[in-house]
Amino acid sequence: MSLKELEAEALKLDPKSRAHLAGKLLESLENLSEEENTRLWAEEAQRRDVELDMHPVSGTSAKDVLREARAKLK
C-alpha cells in the first residue's frame, strides 16, 4: 500500500479513531534518535529551500511577518 493510499484510508476513519492514530504517530516520533531527528529536520529544511526557490512568491519576508505580528499585538 502506498503512502497516498494509506493516507486516504486513514482519512476515512471516524474522528476518534483518527485522533487515536494521530496520537500514536506523534508518539512514535518522540522516540527518534538524535541523529534521526537531525537528519529529518535537515531534509525538511532542504525541501523548504527547494520549494521557495521554485515558488519565491509563496514566501513571506521576516520583515513583513514581524510587522504583521506587531500590528496584531496593538
Protein backbone atom coordinates (compact mmCIF):
# COMPACT_ATOMS: atom_id res chain seq x y z
CA MET A 1 0.00 0.00 0.00
CA SER A 2 1.38 3.39 -0.96
CA LEU A 3 1.54 6.33 1.42
CA LYS A 4 -1.23 8.09 -0.51
CA GLU A 5 -3.45 5.02 -0.23
CA LEU A 6 -2.71 4.70 3.49
CA GLU A 7 -3.48 8.38 4.00
CA ALA A 8 -6.77 8.07 2.11
CA GLU A 9 -7.79 5.08 4.24
CA ALA A 10 -6.82 6.85 7.47
CA LEU A 11 -8.94 9.86 6.50
CA LYS A 12 -11.97 7.58 6.19
CA LEU A 13 -11.76 6.76 9.91
CA ASP A 14 -14.14 8.37 12.36
CA PRO A 15 -12.73 11.42 14.20
CA LYS A 16 -11.99 9.50 17.42
CA SER A 17 -10.04 6.83 15.55
CA ARG A 18 -8.15 9.46 13.52
CA ALA A 19 -7.22 11.26 16.74
CA HIS A 20 -6.01 7.99 18.27
CA LEU A 21 -3.93 7.21 15.18
CA ALA A 22 -2.51 10.73 15.12
CA GLY A 23 -1.50 10.39 18.75
CA LYS A 24 0.24 7.08 18.09
CA LEU A 25 2.10 8.55 15.11
CA LEU A 26 3.21 11.61 17.08
CA GLU A 27 4.29 9.39 19.96
CA SER A 28 6.43 7.34 17.58
CA LEU A 29 8.27 10.49 16.53
CA GLU A 30 9.18 11.28 20.13
CA ASN A 31 11.30 8.13 20.25
CA LEU A 32 13.62 9.06 17.37
CA SER A 33 17.34 9.08 17.98
CA GLU A 34 19.12 12.44 17.98
CA GLU A 35 20.77 11.51 14.68
CA GLU A 36 17.45 10.57 13.04
CA ASN A 37 15.80 13.73 14.32
CA THR A 38 18.65 15.87 12.97
CA ARG A 39 18.51 14.08 9.61
CA LEU A 40 14.75 14.59 9.29
CA TRP A 41 14.98 18.30 10.14
CA ALA A 42 17.79 18.74 7.61
CA GLU A 43 15.67 17.03 4.94
CA GLU A 44 12.70 19.27 5.78
CA ALA A 45 14.87 22.39 5.60
CA GLN A 46 16.19 21.28 2.20
CA ARG A 47 12.64 20.58 0.96
CA ARG A 48 11.52 24.05 2.04
CA ASP A 49 14.53 25.70 0.39
CA VAL A 50 13.73 23.94 -2.89
CA GLU A 51 10.07 24.93 -2.60
CA LEU A 52 10.96 28.58 -2.01
CA ASP A 53 13.43 28.52 -4.91
CA MET A 54 10.71 27.12 -7.19
CA HIS A 55 7.99 29.49 -5.92
CA PRO A 56 9.68 32.57 -4.45
CA VAL A 57 6.41 34.50 -4.27
CA SER A 58 4.99 31.96 -1.80
CA GLY A 59 7.34 33.04 0.98
CA THR A 60 6.85 35.96 3.34
CA SER A 61 9.78 38.07 4.40
CA ALA A 62 10.71 38.18 8.08
CA LYS A 63 10.23 41.94 7.98
CA ASP A 64 6.61 41.51 6.83
CA VAL A 65 5.90 38.76 9.36
CA LEU A 66 7.20 40.88 12.23
CA ARG A 67 5.28 43.94 11.04
CA GLU A 68 2.03 41.94 10.88
CA ALA A 69 2.66 40.36 14.29
CA ARG A 70 3.32 43.75 15.88
CA ALA A 71 0.15 45.17 14.32
CA LYS A 72 -1.89 42.30 15.79
CA LEU A 73 -0.46 42.92 19.26
CA LYS A 74 -1.60 46.56 19.31
